[in-house]
Amino acid sequence: MMNNTLVPQRRPLGVTIIAVLEAIGGVFEILGGILLLNVSAAAAIIAIIMGIIALVLAWGLWTLKPWAFWVAVVLEAISLVYGIFLLVNGNTGALLQAVIALAILIYLFADRNVRAAFRT
C-alpha cells in the first residue's frame, strides 16, 4: 500500500543562502528606514516597506513556498535589468549587481533540486 503523505523537502544550500541574505537585507532596510524618518518620511516609509517585503520573501524562501520562488525570480530579473541599465549609462559599479542577479537566476532555474524543493 502506498503512503500518500508528502515527504518534507530539504532546502537546497543556495536557497538557504539567498533566504539569509534577503533577511539580512530586510533588517538593514528597515533600520535604514527608521534612521531616515527625521530626514524624509516618504523615503523612510518606502525603505521600511521594502524591508518588510524582503523579510516576507526570506521567510517564503526559507519555508520553500512556491510563490517565493517566483517572487525571487521577478525581483532578480528586475535587478538584472536595472544593473544593465546602470552599466549602459556608465555606472561600472553596477556590474557586480548584474552578475549576482544573473547568477541567482541561473541557479534558480538550472538546479533541479531548487525547482523540486519549491514544487514548481
PDB file of N, CA and C in Angstrom:
ATOM      1  N   MET A   1       0.838  -1.173   0.000  1.00  0.00           N
ATOM      2  CA  MET A   1       0.000   0.000   0.000  1.00  0.00           C
ATOM      3  C   MET A   1       0.887   1.242   0.000  1.00  0.00           C
ATOM      4  N   MET A   2       0.558   2.195  -0.835  1.00  0.00           N
ATOM      5  CA  MET A   2       1.372   3.413  -0.947  1.00  0.00           C
ATOM      6  C   MET A   2       0.959   4.434   0.102  1.00  0.00           C
ATOM      7  N   ASN A   3       1.943   5.110   0.612  1.00  0.00           N
ATOM      8  CA  ASN A   3       1.702   6.177   1.574  1.00  0.00           C
ATOM      9  C   ASN A   3       1.669   7.502   0.815  1.00  0.00           C
ATOM     10  N   ASN A   4       0.562   8.221   0.875  1.00  0.00           N
ATOM     11  CA  ASN A   4       0.406   9.460   0.119  1.00  0.00           C
ATOM     12  C   ASN A   4       0.854  10.700   0.888  1.00  0.00           C
ATOM     13  N   THR A   5       1.483  10.520   2.034  1.00  0.00           N
ATOM     14  CA  THR A   5       1.939  11.697   2.777  1.00  0.00           C
ATOM     15  C   THR A   5       3.121  12.321   2.060  1.00  0.00           C
ATOM     16  N   LEU A   6       3.174  13.627   2.134  1.00  0.00           N
ATOM     17  CA  LEU A   6       4.263  14.343   1.487  1.00  0.00           C
ATOM     18  C   LEU A   6       5.532  14.240   2.322  1.00  0.00           C
ATOM     19  N   VAL A   7       6.614  13.955   1.662  1.00  0.00           N
ATOM     20  CA  VAL A   7       7.906  13.937   2.332  1.00  0.00           C
ATOM     21  C   VAL A   7       8.427  15.367   2.335  1.00  0.00           C
ATOM     22  N   PRO A   8       8.795  15.892   3.509  1.00  0.00           N
ATOM     23  CA  PRO A   8       9.274  17.267   3.531  1.00  0.00           C
ATOM     24  C   PRO A   8      10.533  17.415   2.680  1.00  0.00           C
ATOM     25  N   GLN A   9      10.549  18.465   1.886  1.00  0.00           N
ATOM     26  CA  GLN A   9      11.691  18.720   1.021  1.00  0.00           C
ATOM     27  C   GLN A   9      12.832  19.323   1.835  1.00  0.00           C
ATOM     28  N   ARG A  10      14.016  18.957   1.484  1.00  0.00           N
ATOM     29  CA  ARG A  10      15.195  19.536   2.093  1.00  0.00           C
ATOM     30  C   ARG A  10      15.535  20.799   1.328  1.00  0.00           C
ATOM     31  N   ARG A  11      15.804  21.873   2.054  1.00  0.00           N
ATOM     32  CA  ARG A  11      16.107  23.157   1.430  1.00  0.00           C
ATOM     33  C   ARG A  11      17.517  23.107   0.843  1.00  0.00           C
ATOM     34  N   PRO A  12      17.655  23.403  -0.463  1.00  0.00           N
ATOM     35  CA  PRO A  12      18.993  23.449  -1.056  1.00  0.00           C
ATOM     36  C   PRO A  12      19.837  24.551  -0.401  1.00  0.00           C
ATOM     37  N   LEU A  13      21.139  24.318  -0.303  1.00  0.00           N
ATOM     38  CA  LEU A  13      22.041  25.256   0.355  1.00  0.00           C
ATOM     39  C   LEU A  13      21.959  26.645  -0.271  1.00  0.00           C
ATOM     40  N   GLY A  14      21.899  26.725  -1.583  1.00  0.00           N
ATOM     41  CA  GLY A  14      21.820  28.020  -2.252  1.00  0.00           C
ATOM     42  C   GLY A  14      20.573  28.797  -1.872  1.00  0.00           C
ATOM     43  N   VAL A  15      19.462  28.101  -1.713  1.00  0.00           N
ATOM     44  CA  VAL A  15      18.217  28.754  -1.302  1.00  0.00           C
ATOM     45  C   VAL A  15      18.361  29.261   0.126  1.00  0.00           C
ATOM     46  N   THR A  16      19.002  28.475   0.973  1.00  0.00           N
ATOM     47  CA  THR A  16      19.248  28.908   2.351  1.00  0.00           C
ATOM     48  C   THR A  16      20.072  30.191   2.369  1.00  0.00           C
ATOM     49  N   ILE A  17      21.110  30.231   1.560  1.00  0.00           N
ATOM     50  CA  ILE A  17      21.977  31.419   1.499  1.00  0.00           C
ATOM     51  C   ILE A  17      21.198  32.631   1.007  1.00  0.00           C
ATOM     52  N   ILE A  18      20.416  32.458  -0.044  1.00  0.00           N
ATOM     53  CA  ILE A  18      19.614  33.560  -0.585  1.00  0.00           C
ATOM     54  C   ILE A  18      18.610  34.048   0.462  1.00  0.00           C
ATOM     55  N   ALA A  19      17.974  33.119   1.169  1.00  0.00           N
ATOM     56  CA  ALA A  19      16.993  33.491   2.198  1.00  0.00           C
ATOM     57  C   ALA A  19      17.660  34.283   3.321  1.00  0.00           C
ATOM     58  N   VAL A  20      18.821  33.832   3.770  1.00  0.00           N
ATOM     59  CA  VAL A  20      19.532  34.539   4.842  1.00  0.00           C
ATOM     60  C   VAL A  20      19.950  35.931   4.379  1.00  0.00           C
ATOM     61  N   LEU A  21      20.457  36.039   3.160  1.00  0.00           N
ATOM     62  CA  LEU A  21      20.859  37.353   2.640  1.00  0.00           C
ATOM     63  C   LEU A  21      19.657  38.287   2.496  1.00  0.00           C
ATOM     64  N   GLU A  22      18.530  37.746   2.069  1.00  0.00           N
ATOM     65  CA  GLU A  22      17.298  38.553   1.980  1.00  0.00           C
ATOM     66  C   GLU A  22      16.886  39.047   3.361  1.00  0.00           C
ATOM     67  N   ALA A  23      16.975  38.170   4.356  1.00  0.00           N
ATOM     68  CA  ALA A  23      16.597  38.559   5.715  1.00  0.00           C
ATOM     69  C   ALA A  23      17.522  39.645   6.250  1.00  0.00           C
ATOM     70  N   ILE A  24      18.820  39.483   6.035  1.00  0.00           N
ATOM     71  CA  ILE A  24      19.779  40.493   6.487  1.00  0.00           C
ATOM     72  C   ILE A  24      19.512  41.817   5.781  1.00  0.00           C
ATOM     73  N   GLY A  25      19.300  41.748   4.473  1.00  0.00           N
ATOM     74  CA  GLY A  25      18.985  42.959   3.711  1.00  0.00           C
ATOM     75  C   GLY A  25      17.705  43.619   4.197  1.00  0.00           C
ATOM     76  N   GLY A  26      16.707  42.811   4.520  1.00  0.00           N
ATOM     77  CA  GLY A  26      15.441  43.343   5.023  1.00  0.00           C
ATOM     78  C   GLY A  26      15.607  44.057   6.347  1.00  0.00           C
ATOM     79  N   VAL A  27      16.398  43.486   7.237  1.00  0.00           N
ATOM     80  CA  VAL A  27      16.648  44.128   8.537  1.00  0.00           C
ATOM     81  C   VAL A  27      17.362  45.458   8.336  1.00  0.00           C
ATOM     82  N   PHE A  28      18.388  45.473   7.490  1.00  0.00           N
ATOM     83  CA  PHE A  28      19.108  46.729   7.233  1.00  0.00           C
ATOM     84  C   PHE A  28      18.212  47.766   6.562  1.00  0.00           C
ATOM     85  N   GLU A  29      17.336  47.305   5.693  1.00  0.00           N
ATOM     86  CA  GLU A  29      16.401  48.214   5.015  1.00  0.00           C
ATOM     87  C   GLU A  29      15.466  48.864   6.035  1.00  0.00           C
ATOM     88  N   ILE A  30      14.952  48.066   6.954  1.00  0.00           N
ATOM     89  CA  ILE A  30      14.063  48.603   7.987  1.00  0.00           C
ATOM     90  C   ILE A  30      14.823  49.564   8.902  1.00  0.00           C
ATOM     91  N   LEU A  31      16.028  49.180   9.319  1.00  0.00           N
ATOM     92  CA  LEU A  31      16.830  50.071  10.166  1.00  0.00           C
ATOM     93  C   LEU A  31      17.155  51.375   9.442  1.00  0.00           C
ATOM     94  N   GLY A  32      17.480  51.273   8.160  1.00  0.00           N
ATOM     95  CA  GLY A  32      17.741  52.472   7.366  1.00  0.00           C
ATOM     96  C   GLY A  32      16.506  53.348   7.267  1.00  0.00           C
ATOM     97  N   GLY A  33      15.367  52.721   7.109  1.00  0.00           N
ATOM     98  CA  GLY A  33      14.108  53.472   7.058  1.00  0.00           C
ATOM     99  C   GLY A  33      13.838  54.201   8.355  1.00  0.00           C
ATOM    100  N   ILE A  34      14.109  53.533   9.465  1.00  0.00           N
ATOM    101  CA  ILE A  34      13.909  54.178  10.766  1.00  0.00           C
ATOM    102  C   ILE A  34      14.841  55.379  10.915  1.00  0.00           C
ATOM    103  N   LEU A  35      16.086  55.228  10.464  1.00  0.00           N
ATOM    104  CA  LEU A  35      17.039  56.340  10.541  1.00  0.00           C
ATOM    105  C   LEU A  35      16.648  57.496   9.625  1.00  0.00           C
ATOM    106  N   LEU A  36      15.944  57.191   8.549  1.00  0.00           N
ATOM    107  CA  LEU A  36      15.527  58.224   7.596  1.00  0.00           C
ATOM    108  C   LEU A  36      14.283  58.983   8.032  1.00  0.00           C
ATOM    109  N   LEU A  37      13.615  58.513   9.080  1.00  0.00           N
ATOM    110  CA  LEU A  37      12.360  59.146   9.493  1.00  0.00           C
ATOM    111  C   LEU A  37      12.497  60.644   9.732  1.00  0.00           C
ATOM    112  N   ASN A  38      13.603  61.090  10.276  1.00  0.00           N
ATOM    113  CA  ASN A  38      13.796  62.519  10.537  1.00  0.00           C
ATOM    114  C   ASN A  38      14.173  63.300   9.281  1.00  0.00           C
ATOM    115  N   VAL A  39      14.642  62.606   8.251  1.00  0.00           N
ATOM    116  CA  VAL A  39      15.105  63.274   7.031  1.00  0.00           C
ATOM    117  C   VAL A  39      13.993  63.367   5.996  1.00  0.00           C
ATOM    118  N   SER A  40      13.402  62.227   5.687  1.00  0.00           N
ATOM    119  CA  SER A  40      12.368  62.173   4.658  1.00  0.00           C
ATOM    120  C   SER A  40      11.375  61.071   5.003  1.00  0.00           C
ATOM    121  N   ALA A  41      10.180  61.471   5.349  1.00  0.00           N
ATOM    122  CA  ALA A  41       9.165  60.491   5.745  1.00  0.00           C
ATOM    123  C   ALA A  41       8.836  59.548   4.591  1.00  0.00           C
ATOM    124  N   ALA A  42       8.754  60.070   3.378  1.00  0.00           N
ATOM    125  CA  ALA A  42       8.402  59.240   2.221  1.00  0.00           C
ATOM    126  C   ALA A  42       9.486  58.180   1.972  1.00  0.00           C
ATOM    127  N   ALA A  43      10.751  58.598   1.977  1.00  0.00           N
ATOM    128  CA  ALA A  43      11.851  57.657   1.763  1.00  0.00           C
ATOM    129  C   ALA A  43      11.900  56.627   2.885  1.00  0.00           C
ATOM    130  N   ALA A  44      11.629  57.071   4.108  1.00  0.00           N
ATOM    131  CA  ALA A  44      11.645  56.167   5.250  1.00  0.00           C
ATOM    132  C   ALA A  44      10.560  55.102   5.117  1.00  0.00           C
ATOM    133  N   ILE A  45       9.377  55.511   4.732  1.00  0.00           N
ATOM    134  CA  ILE A  45       8.263  54.570   4.591  1.00  0.00           C
ATOM    135  C   ILE A  45       8.549  53.563   3.481  1.00  0.00           C
ATOM    136  N   ILE A  46       9.091  54.043   2.368  1.00  0.00           N
ATOM    137  CA  ILE A  46       9.426  53.143   1.263  1.00  0.00           C
ATOM    138  C   ILE A  46      10.478  52.136   1.708  1.00  0.00           C
ATOM    139  N   ALA A  47      11.510  52.607   2.422  1.00  0.00           N
ATOM    140  CA  ALA A  47      12.565  51.707   2.892  1.00  0.00           C
ATOM    141  C   ALA A  47      12.007  50.664   3.855  1.00  0.00           C
ATOM    142  N   ILE A  48      11.146  51.077   4.745  1.00  0.00           N
ATOM    143  CA  ILE A  48      10.565  50.142   5.709  1.00  0.00           C
ATOM    144  C   ILE A  48       9.689  49.110   4.997  1.00  0.00           C
ATOM    145  N   ILE A  49       8.893  49.548   4.040  1.00  0.00           N
ATOM    146  CA  ILE A  49       8.048  48.624   3.273  1.00  0.00           C
ATOM    147  C   ILE A  49       8.915  47.631   2.497  1.00  0.00           C
ATOM    148  N   MET A  50       9.985  48.127   1.866  1.00  0.00           N
ATOM    149  CA  MET A  50      10.892  47.235   1.125  1.00  0.00           C
ATOM    150  C   MET A  50      11.543  46.223   2.065  1.00  0.00           C
ATOM    151  N   GLY A  51      11.874  46.672   3.269  1.00  0.00           N
ATOM    152  CA  GLY A  51      12.458  45.767   4.256  1.00  0.00           C
ATOM    153  C   GLY A  51      11.491  44.679   4.677  1.00  0.00           C
ATOM    154  N   ILE A  52      10.248  45.055   4.874  1.00  0.00           N
ATOM    155  CA  ILE A  52       9.221  44.073   5.248  1.00  0.00           C
ATOM    156  C   ILE A  52       9.018  43.067   4.115  1.00  0.00           C
ATOM    157  N   ILE A  53       8.990  43.557   2.880  1.00  0.00           N
ATOM    158  CA  ILE A  53       8.852  42.660   1.728  1.00  0.00           C
ATOM    159  C   ILE A  53      10.025  41.688   1.673  1.00  0.00           C
ATOM    160  N   ALA A  54      11.235  42.192   1.921  1.00  0.00           N
ATOM    161  CA  ALA A  54      12.414  41.324   1.911  1.00  0.00           C
ATOM    162  C   ALA A  54      12.327  40.256   3.000  1.00  0.00           C
ATOM    163  N   LEU A  55      11.833  40.630   4.177  1.00  0.00           N
ATOM    164  CA  LEU A  55      11.695  39.651   5.258  1.00  0.00           C
ATOM    165  C   LEU A  55      10.635  38.595   4.931  1.00  0.00           C
ATOM    166  N   VAL A  56       9.536  39.025   4.312  1.00  0.00           N
ATOM    167  CA  VAL A  56       8.498  38.069   3.913  1.00  0.00           C
ATOM    168  C   VAL A  56       9.048  37.121   2.845  1.00  0.00           C
ATOM    169  N   LEU A  57       9.803  37.666   1.903  1.00  0.00           N
ATOM    170  CA  LEU A  57      10.411  36.825   0.871  1.00  0.00           C
ATOM    171  C   LEU A  57      11.401  35.847   1.503  1.00  0.00           C
ATOM    172  N   ALA A  58      12.205  36.321   2.438  1.00  0.00           N
ATOM    173  CA  ALA A  58      13.164  35.443   3.120  1.00  0.00           C
ATOM    174  C   ALA A  58      12.442  34.285   3.801  1.00  0.00           C
ATOM    175  N   TRP A  59      11.334  34.591   4.476  1.00  0.00           N
ATOM    176  CA  TRP A  59      10.548  33.547   5.126  1.00  0.00           C
ATOM    177  C   TRP A  59       9.998  32.567   4.091  1.00  0.00           C
ATOM    178  N   GLY A  60       9.489  33.097   2.979  1.00  0.00           N
ATOM    179  CA  GLY A  60       8.949  32.232   1.929  1.00  0.00           C
ATOM    180  C   GLY A  60      10.010  31.327   1.329  1.00  0.00           C
ATOM    181  N   LEU A  61      11.200  31.864   1.114  1.00  0.00           N
ATOM    182  CA  LEU A  61      12.299  31.037   0.598  1.00  0.00           C
ATOM    183  C   LEU A  61      12.711  29.998   1.626  1.00  0.00           C
ATOM    184  N   TRP A  62      12.805  30.409   2.880  1.00  0.00           N
ATOM    185  CA  TRP A  62      13.225  29.505   3.960  1.00  0.00           C
ATOM    186  C   TRP A  62      12.247  28.326   4.106  1.00  0.00           C
ATOM    187  N   THR A  63      10.967  28.624   3.956  1.00  0.00           N
ATOM    188  CA  THR A  63       9.945  27.583   4.128  1.00  0.00           C
ATOM    189  C   THR A  63       9.522  26.947   2.806  1.00  0.00           C
ATOM    190  N   LEU A  64      10.225  27.291   1.742  1.00  0.00           N
ATOM    191  CA  LEU A  64      10.018  26.702   0.407  1.00  0.00           C
ATOM    192  C   LEU A  64       8.611  26.895  -0.137  1.00  0.00           C
ATOM    193  N   LYS A  65       8.068  28.087   0.033  1.00  0.00           N
ATOM    194  CA  LYS A  65       6.759  28.403  -0.525  1.00  0.00           C
ATOM    195  C   LYS A  65       6.914  28.627  -2.034  1.00  0.00           C
ATOM    196  N   PRO A  66       6.087  27.987  -2.857  1.00  0.00           N
ATOM    197  CA  PRO A  66       6.214  28.150  -4.312  1.00  0.00           C
ATOM    198  C   PRO A  66       6.152  29.604  -4.772  1.00  0.00           C
ATOM    199  N   TRP A  67       5.323  30.441  -4.138  1.00  0.00           N
ATOM    200  CA  TRP A  67       5.232  31.848  -4.535  1.00  0.00           C
ATOM    201  C   TRP A  67       6.569  32.556  -4.331  1.00  0.00           C
ATOM    202  N   ALA A  68       7.347  32.139  -3.337  1.00  0.00           N
ATOM    203  CA  ALA A  68       8.623  32.791  -3.049  1.00  0.00           C
ATOM    204  C   ALA A  68       9.623  32.565  -4.183  1.00  0.00           C
ATOM    205  N   PHE A  69       9.560  31.385  -4.797  1.00  0.00           N
ATOM    206  CA  PHE A  69      10.427  31.120  -5.944  1.00  0.00           C
ATOM    207  C   PHE A  69      10.169  32.151  -7.035  1.00  0.00           C
ATOM    208  N   TRP A  70       8.888  32.352  -7.362  1.00  0.00           N
ATOM    209  CA  TRP A  70       8.549  33.266  -8.454  1.00  0.00           C
ATOM    210  C   TRP A  70       8.785  34.728  -8.079  1.00  0.00           C
ATOM    211  N   VAL A  71       8.573  35.089  -6.834  1.00  0.00           N
ATOM    212  CA  VAL A  71       8.880  36.464  -6.396  1.00  0.00           C
ATOM    213  C   VAL A  71      10.377  36.708  -6.513  1.00  0.00           C
ATOM    214  N   ALA A  72      11.180  35.745  -6.098  1.00  0.00           N
ATOM    215  CA  ALA A  72      12.633  35.878  -6.204  1.00  0.00           C
ATOM    216  C   ALA A  72      13.058  36.019  -7.665  1.00  0.00           C
ATOM    217  N   VAL A  73      12.436  35.227  -8.543  1.00  0.00           N
ATOM    218  CA  VAL A  73      12.756  35.309  -9.970  1.00  0.00           C
ATOM    219  C   VAL A  73      12.443  36.707 -10.507  1.00  0.00           C
ATOM    220  N   VAL A  74      11.266  37.227 -10.195  1.00  0.00           N
ATOM    221  CA  VAL A  74      10.868  38.547 -10.688  1.00  0.00           C
ATOM    222  C   VAL A  74      11.797  39.623 -10.142  1.00  0.00           C
ATOM    223  N   LEU A  75      12.088  39.587  -8.843  1.00  0.00           N
ATOM    224  CA  LEU A  75      12.956  40.607  -8.248  1.00  0.00           C
ATOM    225  C   LEU A  75      14.376  40.542  -8.804  1.00  0.00           C
ATOM    226  N   GLU A  76      14.894  39.338  -9.019  1.00  0.00           N
ATOM    227  CA  GLU A  76      16.240  39.219  -9.591  1.00  0.00           C
ATOM    228  C   GLU A  76      16.260  39.655 -11.054  1.00  0.00           C
ATOM    229  N   ALA A  77      15.194  39.388 -11.792  1.00  0.00           N
ATOM    230  CA  ALA A  77      15.113  39.852 -13.182  1.00  0.00           C
ATOM    231  C   ALA A  77      15.105  41.378 -13.233  1.00  0.00           C
ATOM    232  N   ILE A  78      14.343  41.986 -12.324  1.00  0.00           N
ATOM    233  CA  ILE A  78      14.318  43.449 -12.254  1.00  0.00           C
ATOM    234  C   ILE A  78      15.707  43.973 -11.889  1.00  0.00           C
ATOM    235  N   SER A  79      16.349  43.339 -10.931  1.00  0.00           N
ATOM    236  CA  SER A  79      17.688  43.747 -10.515  1.00  0.00           C
ATOM    237  C   SER A  79      18.688  43.619 -11.663  1.00  0.00           C
ATOM    238  N   LEU A  80      18.571  42.557 -12.447  1.00  0.00           N
ATOM    239  CA  LEU A  80      19.450  42.366 -13.598  1.00  0.00           C
ATOM    240  C   LEU A  80      19.231  43.460 -14.636  1.00  0.00           C
ATOM    241  N   VAL A  81      17.987  43.732 -14.974  1.00  0.00           N
ATOM    242  CA  VAL A  81      17.681  44.770 -15.964  1.00  0.00           C
ATOM    243  C   VAL A  81      18.169  46.133 -15.475  1.00  0.00           C
ATOM    244  N   TYR A  82      17.934  46.418 -14.191  1.00  0.00           N
ATOM    245  CA  TYR A  82      18.373  47.699 -13.632  1.00  0.00           C
ATOM    246  C   TYR A  82      19.897  47.793 -13.632  1.00  0.00           C
ATOM    247  N   GLY A  83      20.572  46.711 -13.300  1.00  0.00           N
ATOM    248  CA  GLY A  83      22.037  46.698 -13.323  1.00  0.00           C
ATOM    249  C   GLY A  83      22.577  46.936 -14.721  1.00  0.00           C
ATOM    250  N   ILE A  84      21.952  46.316 -15.717  1.00  0.00           N
ATOM    251  CA  ILE A  84      22.370  46.529 -17.108  1.00  0.00           C
ATOM    252  C   ILE A  84      22.111  47.973 -17.520  1.00  0.00           C
ATOM    253  N   PHE A  85      20.962  48.511 -17.125  1.00  0.00           N
ATOM    254  CA  PHE A  85      20.641  49.912 -17.403  1.00  0.00           C
ATOM    255  C   PHE A  85      21.709  50.835 -16.820  1.00  0.00           C
ATOM    256  N   LEU A  86      22.100  50.593 -15.582  1.00  0.00           N
ATOM    257  CA  LEU A  86      23.134  51.419 -14.954  1.00  0.00           C
ATOM    258  C   LEU A  86      24.479  51.262 -15.653  1.00  0.00           C
ATOM    259  N   LEU A  87      24.800  50.040 -16.075  1.00  0.00           N
ATOM    260  CA  LEU A  87      26.057  49.817 -16.794  1.00  0.00           C
ATOM    261  C   LEU A  87      26.089  50.579 -18.110  1.00  0.00           C
ATOM    262  N   VAL A  88      24.985  50.512 -18.843  1.00  0.00           N
ATOM    263  CA  VAL A  88      24.900  51.206 -20.130  1.00  0.00           C
ATOM    264  C   VAL A  88      25.057  52.713 -19.944  1.00  0.00           C
ATOM    265  N   ASN A  89      24.601  53.196 -18.797  1.00  0.00           N
ATOM    266  CA  ASN A  89      24.706  54.629 -18.518  1.00  0.00           C
ATOM    267  C   ASN A  89      25.991  55.002 -17.785  1.00  0.00           C
ATOM    268  N   GLY A  90      26.980  54.141 -17.827  1.00  0.00           N
ATOM    269  CA  GLY A  90      28.306  54.484 -17.331  1.00  0.00           C
ATOM    270  C   GLY A  90      28.608  54.145 -15.882  1.00  0.00           C
ATOM    271  N   ASN A  91      27.716  53.494 -15.182  1.00  0.00           N
ATOM    272  CA  ASN A  91      27.961  53.143 -13.787  1.00  0.00           C
ATOM    273  C   ASN A  91      28.580  51.750 -13.733  1.00  0.00           C
ATOM    274  N   THR A  92      29.901  51.683 -13.730  1.00  0.00           N
ATOM    275  CA  THR A  92      30.577  50.383 -13.738  1.00  0.00           C
ATOM    276  C   THR A  92      30.412  49.643 -12.412  1.00  0.00           C
ATOM    277  N   GLY A  93      30.039  50.357 -11.372  1.00  0.00           N
ATOM    278  CA  GLY A  93      29.795  49.718 -10.088  1.00  0.00           C
ATOM    279  C   GLY A  93      28.602  48.781 -10.120  1.00  0.00           C
ATOM    280  N   ALA A  94      27.744  48.935 -11.101  1.00  0.00           N
ATOM    281  CA  ALA A  94      26.550  48.094 -11.209  1.00  0.00           C
ATOM    282  C   ALA A  94      26.864  46.723 -11.796  1.00  0.00           C
ATOM    283  N   LEU A  95      28.087  46.521 -12.237  1.00  0.00           N
ATOM    284  CA  LEU A  95      28.463  45.235 -12.814  1.00  0.00           C
ATOM    285  C   LEU A  95      28.255  44.104 -11.805  1.00  0.00           C
ATOM    286  N   LEU A  96      28.663  44.322 -10.569  1.00  0.00           N
ATOM    287  CA  LEU A  96      28.504  43.298  -9.538  1.00  0.00           C
ATOM    288  C   LEU A  96      27.028  42.976  -9.311  1.00  0.00           C
ATOM    289  N   GLN A  97      26.184  43.999  -9.281  1.00  0.00           N
ATOM    290  CA  GLN A  97      24.745  43.797  -9.108  1.00  0.00           C
ATOM    291  C   GLN A  97      24.190  42.924 -10.226  1.00  0.00           C
ATOM    292  N   ALA A  98      24.568  43.233 -11.459  1.00  0.00           N
ATOM    293  CA  ALA A  98      24.066  42.481 -12.608  1.00  0.00           C
ATOM    294  C   ALA A  98      24.570  41.037 -12.585  1.00  0.00           C
ATOM    295  N   VAL A  99      25.814  40.847 -12.228  1.00  0.00           N
ATOM    296  CA  VAL A  99      26.391  39.498 -12.196  1.00  0.00           C
ATOM    297  C   VAL A  99      25.728  38.650 -11.110  1.00  0.00           C
ATOM    298  N   ILE A 100      25.520  39.229  -9.935  1.00  0.00           N
ATOM    299  CA  ILE A 100      24.880  38.489  -8.844  1.00  0.00           C
ATOM    300  C   ILE A 100      23.447  38.121  -9.220  1.00  0.00           C
ATOM    301  N   ALA A 101      22.705  39.070  -9.778  1.00  0.00           N
ATOM    302  CA  ALA A 101      21.320  38.796 -10.183  1.00  0.00           C
ATOM    303  C   ALA A 101      21.274  37.686 -11.229  1.00  0.00           C
ATOM    304  N   LEU A 102      22.176  37.738 -12.202  1.00  0.00           N
ATOM    305  CA  LEU A 102      22.226  36.710 -13.243  1.00  0.00           C
ATOM    306  C   LEU A 102      22.582  35.352 -12.646  1.00  0.00           C
ATOM    307  N   ALA A 103      23.544  35.330 -11.729  1.00  0.00           N
ATOM    308  CA  ALA A 103      23.947  34.065 -11.096  1.00  0.00           C
ATOM    309  C   ALA A 103      22.788  33.454 -10.310  1.00  0.00           C
ATOM    310  N   ILE A 104      22.043  34.289  -9.596  1.00  0.00           N
ATOM    311  CA  ILE A 104      20.900  33.779  -8.826  1.00  0.00           C
ATOM    312  C   ILE A 104      19.827  33.237  -9.765  1.00  0.00           C
ATOM    313  N   LEU A 105      19.549  33.955 -10.845  1.00  0.00           N
ATOM    314  CA  LEU A 105      18.548  33.474 -11.809  1.00  0.00           C
ATOM    315  C   LEU A 105      18.959  32.137 -12.420  1.00  0.00           C
ATOM    316  N   ILE A 106      20.225  32.043 -12.809  1.00  0.00           N
ATOM    317  CA  ILE A 106      20.710  30.782 -13.386  1.00  0.00           C
ATOM    318  C   ILE A 106      20.581  29.658 -12.360  1.00  0.00           C
ATOM    319  N   TYR A 107      20.971  29.939 -11.132  1.00  0.00           N
ATOM    320  CA  TYR A 107      20.872  28.925 -10.074  1.00  0.00           C
ATOM    321  C   TYR A 107      19.424  28.480  -9.864  1.00  0.00           C
ATOM    322  N   LEU A 108      18.514  29.429  -9.776  1.00  0.00           N
ATOM    323  CA  LEU A 108      17.116  29.092  -9.521  1.00  0.00           C
ATOM    324  C   LEU A 108      16.525  28.204 -10.609  1.00  0.00           C
ATOM    325  N   PHE A 109      16.935  28.440 -11.859  1.00  0.00           N
ATOM    326  CA  PHE A 109      16.364  27.663 -12.957  1.00  0.00           C
ATOM    327  C   PHE A 109      17.182  26.431 -13.335  1.00  0.00           C
ATOM    328  N   ALA A 110      18.483  26.455 -13.107  1.00  0.00           N
ATOM    329  CA  ALA A 110      19.333  25.357 -13.573  1.00  0.00           C
ATOM    330  C   ALA A 110      19.411  24.195 -12.591  1.00  0.00           C
ATOM    331  N   ASP A 111      19.278  24.464 -11.316  1.00  0.00           N
ATOM    332  CA  ASP A 111      19.396  23.402 -10.320  1.00  0.00           C
ATOM    333  C   ASP A 111      18.045  22.700 -10.144  1.00  0.00           C
ATOM    334  N   ARG A 112      17.988  21.451 -10.560  1.00  0.00           N
ATOM    335  CA  ARG A 112      16.726  20.694 -10.469  1.00  0.00           C
ATOM    336  C   ARG A 112      16.229  20.570  -9.030  1.00  0.00           C
ATOM    337  N   ASN A 113      17.156  20.519  -8.094  1.00  0.00           N
ATOM    338  CA  ASN A 113      16.772  20.390  -6.689  1.00  0.00           C
ATOM    339  C   ASN A 113      15.988  21.620  -6.208  1.00  0.00           C
ATOM    340  N   VAL A 114      16.311  22.779  -6.759  1.00  0.00           N
ATOM    341  CA  VAL A 114      15.610  24.002  -6.374  1.00  0.00           C
ATOM    342  C   VAL A 114      14.160  23.930  -6.837  1.00  0.00           C
ATOM    343  N   ARG A 115      13.964  23.615  -8.095  1.00  0.00           N
ATOM    344  CA  ARG A 115      12.588  23.524  -8.627  1.00  0.00           C
ATOM    345  C   ARG A 115      11.795  22.447  -7.896  1.00  0.00           C
ATOM    346  N   ALA A 116      12.455  21.321  -7.602  1.00  0.00           N
ATOM    347  CA  ALA A 116      11.777  20.243  -6.894  1.00  0.00           C
ATOM    348  C   ALA A 116      11.423  20.656  -5.469  1.00  0.00           C
ATOM    349  N   ALA A 117      12.317  21.386  -4.815  1.00  0.00           N
ATOM    350  CA  ALA A 117      12.067  21.821  -3.432  1.00  0.00           C
ATOM    351  C   ALA A 117      10.865  22.751  -3.361  1.00  0.00           C
ATOM    352  N   PHE A 118      10.741  23.621  -4.362  1.00  0.00           N
ATOM    353  CA  PHE A 118       9.613  24.565  -4.387  1.00  0.00           C
ATOM    354  C   PHE A 118       8.377  23.962  -5.061  1.00  0.00           C
ATOM    355  N   ARG A 119       8.537  22.787  -5.638  1.00  0.00           N
ATOM    356  CA  ARG A 119       7.443  22.113  -6.352  1.00  0.00           C
ATOM    357  C   ARG A 119       6.849  23.005  -7.447  1.00  0.00           C
ATOM    358  N   THR A 120       7.744  23.634  -8.231  1.00  0.00           N
ATOM    359  CA  THR A 120       7.282  24.494  -9.324  1.00  0.00           C
ATOM    360  C   THR A 120       7.507  23.814 -10.653  1.00  0.00           C
TER     361      THR A 120
END
